[in-house]
PDB file of all heavy atoms in Angstrom:
ATOM      1  N   VAL A   1      13.666  -3.582   2.236  1.00  0.00           N
ATOM      2  CA  VAL A   1      12.737  -3.323   1.120  1.00  0.00           C
ATOM      3  C   VAL A   1      12.635  -4.561   0.242  1.00  0.00           C
ATOM      4  O   VAL A   1      11.529  -4.976  -0.154  1.00  0.00           O
ATOM      5  CB  VAL A   1      13.216  -2.099   0.315  1.00  0.00           C
ATOM      6  CG1 VAL A   1      12.367  -1.929  -0.946  1.00  0.00           C
ATOM      7  CG2 VAL A   1      13.161  -0.850   1.165  1.00  0.00           C
ATOM      8  N   VAL A   2      13.781  -5.153  -0.083  1.00  0.00           N
ATOM      9  CA  VAL A   2      13.764  -6.330  -0.967  1.00  0.00           C
ATOM     10  C   VAL A   2      13.070  -7.486  -0.283  1.00  0.00           C
ATOM     11  O   VAL A   2      12.343  -8.268  -0.926  1.00  0.00           O
ATOM     12  CB  VAL A   2      15.215  -6.681  -1.354  1.00  0.00           C
ATOM     13  CG1 VAL A   2      15.267  -8.024  -2.075  1.00  0.00           C
ATOM     14  CG2 VAL A   2      15.819  -5.586  -2.231  1.00  0.00           C
ATOM     15  N   ALA A   3      13.273  -7.640   1.035  1.00  0.00           N
ATOM     16  CA  ALA A   3      12.615  -8.744   1.750  1.00  0.00           C
ATOM     17  C   ALA A   3      11.098  -8.625   1.715  1.00  0.00           C
ATOM     18  O   ALA A   3      10.381  -9.633   1.742  1.00  0.00           O
ATOM     19  CB  ALA A   3      13.119  -8.780   3.194  1.00  0.00           C
ATOM     20  N   ALA A   4      10.598  -7.392   1.659  1.00  0.00           N
ATOM     21  CA  ALA A   4       9.152  -7.170   1.599  1.00  0.00           C
ATOM     22  C   ALA A   4       8.612  -7.335   0.178  1.00  0.00           C
ATOM     23  O   ALA A   4       7.382  -7.305  -0.004  1.00  0.00           O
ATOM     24  CB  ALA A   4       8.821  -5.783   2.123  1.00  0.00           C
ATOM     25  N   LEU A   5       9.504  -7.474  -0.807  1.00  0.00           N
ATOM     26  CA  LEU A   5       9.077  -7.620  -2.209  1.00  0.00           C
ATOM     27  C   LEU A   5       9.691  -8.866  -2.828  1.00  0.00           C
ATOM     28  O   LEU A   5      10.484  -8.788  -3.788  1.00  0.00           O
ATOM     29  CB  LEU A   5       9.483  -6.381  -3.004  1.00  0.00           C
ATOM     30  CG  LEU A   5       8.875  -5.028  -2.573  1.00  0.00           C
ATOM     31  CD1 LEU A   5       9.530  -3.866  -3.327  1.00  0.00           C
ATOM     32  CD2 LEU A   5       7.354  -5.025  -2.813  1.00  0.00           C
ATOM     33  N   PRO A   6       9.375 -10.051  -2.294  1.00  0.00           N
ATOM     34  CA  PRO A   6       9.954 -11.274  -2.898  1.00  0.00           C
ATOM     35  C   PRO A   6       9.348 -11.560  -4.279  1.00  0.00           C
ATOM     36  O   PRO A   6       8.272 -11.055  -4.610  1.00  0.00           O
ATOM     37  CB  PRO A   6       9.550 -12.361  -1.896  1.00  0.00           C
ATOM     38  CG  PRO A   6       8.296 -11.839  -1.260  1.00  0.00           C
ATOM     39  CD  PRO A   6       8.467 -10.356  -1.198  1.00  0.00           C
ATOM     40  N   VAL A   7      10.086 -12.321  -5.061  1.00  0.00           N
ATOM     41  CA  VAL A   7       9.617 -12.666  -6.403  1.00  0.00           C
ATOM     42  C   VAL A   7       8.286 -13.434  -6.307  1.00  0.00           C
ATOM     43  O   VAL A   7       8.149 -14.351  -5.508  1.00  0.00           O
ATOM     44  CB  VAL A   7      10.680 -13.521  -7.129  1.00  0.00           C
ATOM     45  CG1 VAL A   7      10.145 -13.985  -8.497  1.00  0.00           C
ATOM     46  CG2 VAL A   7      11.961 -12.725  -7.325  1.00  0.00           C
ATOM     47  N   GLY A   8       7.309 -13.024  -7.116  1.00  0.00           N
ATOM     48  CA  GLY A   8       5.994 -13.646  -7.119  1.00  0.00           C
ATOM     49  C   GLY A   8       4.983 -12.959  -6.216  1.00  0.00           C
ATOM     50  O   GLY A   8       3.794 -13.280  -6.269  1.00  0.00           O
ATOM     51  N   ARG A   9       5.437 -12.034  -5.364  1.00  0.00           N
ATOM     52  CA  ARG A   9       4.544 -11.349  -4.452  1.00  0.00           C
ATOM     53  C   ARG A   9       3.597 -10.417  -5.229  1.00  0.00           C
ATOM     54  O   ARG A   9       4.004  -9.731  -6.157  1.00  0.00           O
ATOM     55  CB  ARG A   9       5.350 -10.545  -3.441  1.00  0.00           C
ATOM     56  CG  ARG A   9       4.561  -9.532  -2.598  1.00  0.00           C
ATOM     57  CD  ARG A   9       3.681 -10.240  -1.566  1.00  0.00           C
ATOM     58  NE  ARG A   9       4.454 -11.019  -0.627  1.00  0.00           N
ATOM     59  CZ  ARG A   9       5.004 -10.559   0.502  1.00  0.00           C
ATOM     60  NH1 ARG A   9       4.846  -9.274   0.805  1.00  0.00           N
ATOM     61  NH2 ARG A   9       5.656 -11.348   1.303  1.00  0.00           N
ATOM     62  N   GLN A  10       2.339 -10.393  -4.816  1.00  0.00           N
ATOM     63  CA  GLN A  10       1.358  -9.470  -5.376  1.00  0.00           C
ATOM     64  C   GLN A  10       1.435  -8.143  -4.577  1.00  0.00           C
ATOM     65  O   GLN A  10       1.244  -8.137  -3.368  1.00  0.00           O
ATOM     66  CB  GLN A  10      -0.050 -10.046  -5.285  1.00  0.00           C
ATOM     67  CG  GLN A  10      -0.273 -11.284  -6.141  1.00  0.00           C
ATOM     68  CD  GLN A  10      -0.150 -10.945  -7.639  1.00  0.00           C
ATOM     69  OE1 GLN A  10      -0.730  -9.980  -8.121  1.00  0.00           O
ATOM     70  NE2 GLN A  10       0.623 -11.759  -8.361  1.00  0.00           N
ATOM     71  N   ALA A  11       1.779  -7.091  -5.256  1.00  0.00           N
ATOM     72  CA  ALA A  11       1.941  -5.789  -4.608  1.00  0.00           C
ATOM     73  C   ALA A  11       1.037  -4.771  -5.303  1.00  0.00           C
ATOM     74  O   ALA A  11       0.245  -5.122  -6.185  1.00  0.00           O
ATOM     75  CB  ALA A  11       3.396  -5.344  -4.634  1.00  0.00           C
ATOM     76  N   VAL A  12       1.188  -3.518  -4.912  1.00  0.00           N
ATOM     77  CA  VAL A  12       0.435  -2.427  -5.526  1.00  0.00           C
ATOM     78  C   VAL A  12       1.429  -1.403  -6.051  1.00  0.00           C
ATOM     79  O   VAL A  12       2.333  -0.957  -5.336  1.00  0.00           O
ATOM     80  CB  VAL A  12      -0.501  -1.773  -4.506  1.00  0.00           C
ATOM     81  CG1 VAL A  12      -1.178  -0.539  -5.116  1.00  0.00           C
ATOM     82  CG2 VAL A  12      -1.552  -2.766  -3.998  1.00  0.00           C
ATOM     83  N   CYS A  13       1.283  -1.058  -7.319  1.00  0.00           N
ATOM     84  CA  CYS A  13       2.074   0.002  -7.910  1.00  0.00           C
ATOM     85  C   CYS A  13       1.140   1.155  -8.288  1.00  0.00           C
ATOM     86  O   CYS A  13      -0.086   1.005  -8.299  1.00  0.00           O
ATOM     87  CB  CYS A  13       2.854  -0.496  -9.134  1.00  0.00           C
ATOM     88  SG  CYS A  13       1.807  -1.049 -10.501  1.00  0.00           S
ATOM     89  N   PHE A  14       1.749   2.292  -8.610  1.00  0.00           N
ATOM     90  CA  PHE A  14       0.966   3.478  -8.939  1.00  0.00           C
ATOM     91  C   PHE A  14       1.299   3.900 -10.364  1.00  0.00           C
ATOM     92  O   PHE A  14       2.448   4.094 -10.717  1.00  0.00           O
ATOM     93  CB  PHE A  14       1.265   4.593  -7.938  1.00  0.00           C
ATOM     94  CG  PHE A  14       1.004   4.182  -6.520  1.00  0.00           C
ATOM     95  CD1 PHE A  14       2.017   3.655  -5.721  1.00  0.00           C
ATOM     96  CD2 PHE A  14      -0.281   4.286  -5.978  1.00  0.00           C
ATOM     97  CE1 PHE A  14       1.773   3.266  -4.425  1.00  0.00           C
ATOM     98  CE2 PHE A  14      -0.543   3.884  -4.681  1.00  0.00           C
ATOM     99  CZ  PHE A  14       0.487   3.376  -3.893  1.00  0.00           C
ATOM    100  N   VAL A  15       0.223   4.013 -11.186  1.00  0.00           N
ATOM    101  CA  VAL A  15       0.387   4.180 -12.618  1.00  0.00           C
ATOM    102  C   VAL A  15      -0.151   5.526 -13.040  1.00  0.00           C
ATOM    103  O   VAL A  15      -1.243   5.971 -12.596  1.00  0.00           O
ATOM    104  CB  VAL A  15      -0.353   3.031 -13.381  1.00  0.00           C
ATOM    105  CG1 VAL A  15      -0.196   3.189 -14.877  1.00  0.00           C
ATOM    106  CG2 VAL A  15       0.183   1.670 -12.925  1.00  0.00           C
ATOM    107  N   ASP A  16       0.558   6.167 -13.942  1.00  0.00           N
ATOM    108  CA  ASP A  16       0.123   7.452 -14.501  1.00  0.00           C
ATOM    109  C   ASP A  16      -1.058   7.213 -15.428  1.00  0.00           C
ATOM    110  O   ASP A  16      -0.933   6.505 -16.432  1.00  0.00           O
ATOM    111  CB  ASP A  16       1.296   8.080 -15.270  1.00  0.00           C
ATOM    112  CG  ASP A  16       0.962   9.475 -15.781  1.00  0.00           C
ATOM    113  OD1 ASP A  16      -0.188   9.921 -15.611  1.00  0.00           O
ATOM    114  OD2 ASP A  16       1.841  10.128 -16.372  1.00  0.00           O
ATOM    115  N   PRO A  17      -2.220   7.768 -15.145  1.00  0.00           N
ATOM    116  CA  PRO A  17      -3.408   7.509 -15.989  1.00  0.00           C
ATOM    117  C   PRO A  17      -3.240   8.059 -17.416  1.00  0.00           C
ATOM    118  O   PRO A  17      -3.866   7.554 -18.328  1.00  0.00           O
ATOM    119  CB  PRO A  17      -4.540   8.208 -15.236  1.00  0.00           C
ATOM    120  CG  PRO A  17      -3.877   9.234 -14.383  1.00  0.00           C
ATOM    121  CD  PRO A  17      -2.556   8.662 -14.010  1.00  0.00           C
ATOM    122  N   LYS A  18      -2.398   9.052 -17.571  1.00  0.00           N
ATOM    123  CA  LYS A  18      -2.180   9.625 -18.901  1.00  0.00           C
ATOM    124  C   LYS A  18      -1.141   8.835 -19.708  1.00  0.00           C
ATOM    125  O   LYS A  18      -1.153   8.855 -20.931  1.00  0.00           O
ATOM    126  CB  LYS A  18      -1.712  11.070 -18.783  1.00  0.00           C
ATOM    127  CG  LYS A  18      -2.747  11.981 -18.106  1.00  0.00           C
ATOM    128  CD  LYS A  18      -2.225  13.408 -17.996  1.00  0.00           C
ATOM    129  CE  LYS A  18      -3.239  14.320 -17.326  1.00  0.00           C
ATOM    130  NZ  LYS A  18      -2.713  15.719 -17.170  1.00  0.00           N
ATOM    131  N   ASN A  19      -0.266   8.129 -19.029  1.00  0.00           N
ATOM    132  CA  ASN A  19       0.763   7.340 -19.675  1.00  0.00           C
ATOM    133  C   ASN A  19       0.986   6.075 -18.868  1.00  0.00           C
ATOM    134  O   ASN A  19       1.805   6.023 -17.960  1.00  0.00           O
ATOM    135  CB  ASN A  19       2.060   8.128 -19.791  1.00  0.00           C
ATOM    136  CG  ASN A  19       3.141   7.391 -20.547  1.00  0.00           C
ATOM    137  OD1 ASN A  19       2.893   6.312 -21.127  1.00  0.00           O
ATOM    138  ND2 ASN A  19       4.363   7.920 -20.524  1.00  0.00           N
ATOM    139  N   PRO A  20       0.236   4.999 -19.156  1.00  0.00           N
ATOM    140  CA  PRO A  20       0.302   3.771 -18.341  1.00  0.00           C
ATOM    141  C   PRO A  20       1.697   3.140 -18.297  1.00  0.00           C
ATOM    142  O   PRO A  20       1.952   2.301 -17.422  1.00  0.00           O
ATOM    143  CB  PRO A  20      -0.700   2.846 -19.037  1.00  0.00           C
ATOM    144  CG  PRO A  20      -1.625   3.756 -19.776  1.00  0.00           C
ATOM    145  CD  PRO A  20      -0.781   4.906 -20.200  1.00  0.00           C
ATOM    146  N   ALA A  21       2.589   3.522 -19.203  1.00  0.00           N
ATOM    147  CA  ALA A  21       3.948   2.956 -19.159  1.00  0.00           C
ATOM    148  C   ALA A  21       4.754   3.512 -18.010  1.00  0.00           C
ATOM    149  O   ALA A  21       5.830   2.976 -17.668  1.00  0.00           O
ATOM    150  CB  ALA A  21       4.665   3.212 -20.478  1.00  0.00           C
ATOM    151  N   GLN A  22       4.284   4.577 -17.372  1.00  0.00           N
ATOM    152  CA  GLN A  22       4.967   5.195 -16.248  1.00  0.00           C
ATOM    153  C   GLN A  22       4.342   4.672 -14.941  1.00  0.00           C
ATOM    154  O   GLN A  22       3.157   4.857 -14.706  1.00  0.00           O
ATOM    155  CB  GLN A  22       4.849   6.711 -16.299  1.00  0.00           C
ATOM    156  CG  GLN A  22       5.510   7.333 -17.531  1.00  0.00           C
ATOM    157  CD  GLN A  22       7.018   7.218 -17.483  1.00  0.00           C
ATOM    158  OE1 GLN A  22       7.625   7.218 -16.411  1.00  0.00           O
ATOM    159  NE2 GLN A  22       7.640   7.116 -18.641  1.00  0.00           N
ATOM    160  N   ALA A  23       5.171   4.037 -14.118  1.00  0.00           N
ATOM    161  CA  ALA A  23       4.683   3.489 -12.855  1.00  0.00           C
ATOM    162  C   ALA A  23       5.767   3.574 -11.807  1.00  0.00           C
ATOM    163  O   ALA A  23       6.962   3.688 -12.130  1.00  0.00           O
ATOM    164  CB  ALA A  23       4.235   2.047 -13.018  1.00  0.00           C
ATOM    165  N   VAL A  24       5.364   3.489 -10.538  1.00  0.00           N
ATOM    166  CA  VAL A  24       6.310   3.552  -9.438  1.00  0.00           C
ATOM    167  C   VAL A  24       5.730   2.737  -8.281  1.00  0.00           C
ATOM    168  O   VAL A  24       4.519   2.675  -8.101  1.00  0.00           O
ATOM    169  CB  VAL A  24       6.577   5.006  -9.005  1.00  0.00           C
ATOM    170  CG1 VAL A  24       5.323   5.635  -8.405  1.00  0.00           C
ATOM    171  CG2 VAL A  24       7.755   5.094  -8.027  1.00  0.00           C
ATOM    172  N   LEU A  25       6.611   2.101  -7.503  1.00  0.00           N
ATOM    173  CA  LEU A  25       6.169   1.310  -6.367  1.00  0.00           C
ATOM    174  C   LEU A  25       6.034   2.145  -5.093  1.00  0.00           C
ATOM    175  O   LEU A  25       5.081   1.967  -4.342  1.00  0.00           O
ATOM    176  CB  LEU A  25       7.152   0.144  -6.117  1.00  0.00           C
ATOM    177  CG  LEU A  25       6.944  -1.138  -6.918  1.00  0.00           C
ATOM    178  CD1 LEU A  25       8.046  -2.109  -6.618  1.00  0.00           C
ATOM    179  CD2 LEU A  25       5.587  -1.750  -6.663  1.00  0.00           C
ATOM    180  N   ASP A  26       6.968   3.021  -4.863  1.00  0.00           N
ATOM    181  CA  ASP A  26       6.985   3.825  -3.632  1.00  0.00           C
ATOM    182  C   ASP A  26       6.829   5.292  -4.003  1.00  0.00           C
ATOM    183  O   ASP A  26       7.722   5.899  -4.589  1.00  0.00           O
ATOM    184  CB  ASP A  26       8.295   3.602  -2.880  1.00  0.00           C
ATOM    185  CG  ASP A  26       8.348   4.372  -1.570  1.00  0.00           C
ATOM    186  OD1 ASP A  26       7.292   4.938  -1.167  1.00  0.00           O
ATOM    187  OD2 ASP A  26       9.411   4.420  -0.935  1.00  0.00           O
ATOM    188  N   ARG A  27       5.676   5.890  -3.650  1.00  0.00           N
ATOM    189  CA  ARG A  27       5.457   7.307  -3.887  1.00  0.00           C
ATOM    190  C   ARG A  27       5.380   8.088  -2.573  1.00  0.00           C
ATOM    191  O   ARG A  27       4.830   9.175  -2.499  1.00  0.00           O
ATOM    192  CB  ARG A  27       4.166   7.528  -4.684  1.00  0.00           C
ATOM    193  CG  ARG A  27       2.900   7.056  -3.932  1.00  0.00           C
ATOM    194  CD  ARG A  27       1.656   7.404  -4.698  1.00  0.00           C
ATOM    195  NE  ARG A  27       0.451   7.005  -3.968  1.00  0.00           N
ATOM    196  CZ  ARG A  27      -0.793   7.198  -4.419  1.00  0.00           C
ATOM    197  NH1 ARG A  27      -0.980   7.758  -5.587  1.00  0.00           N
ATOM    198  NH2 ARG A  27      -1.830   6.812  -3.699  1.00  0.00           N
ATOM    199  N   GLY A  28       5.917   7.498  -1.522  1.00  0.00           N
ATOM    200  CA  GLY A  28       5.887   8.151  -0.217  1.00  0.00           C
ATOM    201  C   GLY A  28       7.013   9.184  -0.064  1.00  0.00           C
ATOM    202  O   GLY A  28       8.015   9.175  -0.799  1.00  0.00           O
ATOM    203  N   PHE A  29       6.852  10.057   0.929  1.00  0.00           N
ATOM    204  CA  PHE A  29       7.840  11.061   1.246  1.00  0.00           C
ATOM    205  C   PHE A  29       8.735  10.535   2.360  1.00  0.00           C
ATOM    206  O   PHE A  29       8.332  10.561   3.545  1.00  0.00           O
ATOM    207  CB  PHE A  29       7.195  12.374   1.665  1.00  0.00           C
ATOM    208  CG  PHE A  29       6.494  13.079   0.531  1.00  0.00           C
ATOM    209  CD1 PHE A  29       5.110  13.001   0.397  1.00  0.00           C
ATOM    210  CD2 PHE A  29       7.203  13.818  -0.387  1.00  0.00           C
ATOM    211  CE1 PHE A  29       4.478  13.651  -0.636  1.00  0.00           C
ATOM    212  CE2 PHE A  29       6.567  14.452  -1.443  1.00  0.00           C
ATOM    213  CZ  PHE A  29       5.197  14.375  -1.567  1.00  0.00           C
ATOM    214  N   GLY A  30       9.889  10.048   2.010  1.00  0.00           N
ATOM    215  CA  GLY A  30      10.847   9.592   3.020  1.00  0.00           C
ATOM    216  C   GLY A  30      11.827  10.675   3.379  1.00  0.00           C
ATOM    217  O   GLY A  30      11.723  11.830   2.940  1.00  0.00           O
ATOM    218  N   PHE A  31      12.844  10.325   4.158  1.00  0.00           N
ATOM    219  CA  PHE A  31      13.850  11.280   4.558  1.00  0.00           C
ATOM    220  C   PHE A  31      14.644  11.804   3.347  1.00  0.00           C
ATOM    221  O   PHE A  31      15.241  12.877   3.403  1.00  0.00           O
ATOM    222  CB  PHE A  31      14.808  10.648   5.551  1.00  0.00           C
ATOM    223  CG  PHE A  31      14.147  10.411   6.901  1.00  0.00           C
ATOM    224  CD1 PHE A  31      13.981   9.119   7.389  1.00  0.00           C
ATOM    225  CD2 PHE A  31      13.742  11.457   7.675  1.00  0.00           C
ATOM    226  CE1 PHE A  31      13.388   8.904   8.609  1.00  0.00           C
ATOM    227  CE2 PHE A  31      13.145  11.261   8.907  1.00  0.00           C
ATOM    228  CZ  PHE A  31      12.972   9.942   9.375  1.00  0.00           C
ATOM    229  N   TRP A  32      14.633  11.046   2.279  1.00  0.00           N
ATOM    230  CA  TRP A  32      15.413  11.440   1.119  1.00  0.00           C
ATOM    231  C   TRP A  32      14.883  12.773   0.526  1.00  0.00           C
ATOM    232  O   TRP A  32      15.636  13.502  -0.136  1.00  0.00           O
ATOM    233  CB  TRP A  32      15.324  10.349   0.042  1.00  0.00           C
ATOM    234  CG  TRP A  32      13.957  10.110  -0.503  1.00  0.00           C
ATOM    235  CD1 TRP A  32      13.043   9.233  -0.015  1.00  0.00           C
ATOM    236  CD2 TRP A  32      13.341  10.749  -1.602  1.00  0.00           C
ATOM    237  NE1 TRP A  32      11.882   9.282  -0.748  1.00  0.00           N
ATOM    238  CE2 TRP A  32      12.031  10.213  -1.734  1.00  0.00           C
ATOM    239  CE3 TRP A  32      13.729  11.750  -2.492  1.00  0.00           C
ATOM    240  CZ2 TRP A  32      11.151  10.629  -2.723  1.00  0.00           C
ATOM    241  CZ3 TRP A  32      12.848  12.167  -3.481  1.00  0.00           C
ATOM    242  CH2 TRP A  32      11.578  11.606  -3.596  1.00  0.00           C
ATOM    243  N   VAL A  33      13.602  13.087   0.794  1.00  0.00           N
ATOM    244  CA  VAL A  33      13.036  14.317   0.257  1.00  0.00           C
ATOM    245  C   VAL A  33      13.797  15.527   0.797  1.00  0.00           C
ATOM    246  O   VAL A  33      13.939  16.565   0.103  1.00  0.00           O
ATOM    247  CB  VAL A  33      11.536  14.408   0.625  1.00  0.00           C
ATOM    248  CG1 VAL A  33      10.972  15.752   0.197  1.00  0.00           C
ATOM    249  CG2 VAL A  33      10.772  13.259  -0.030  1.00  0.00           C
TER     250      VAL A  33
END
C-alpha cells in the first residue's frame, strides 16, 4: 500500500460533501469487512 502511495504522488481521495474535513483514501470492501 505504501509503495503505491509515495510522497508527492497525485492520488484520489473521497470527501464528505457535507463536511469536507472528513476524507478517506480507501473506501473499498476488503476482507477486513
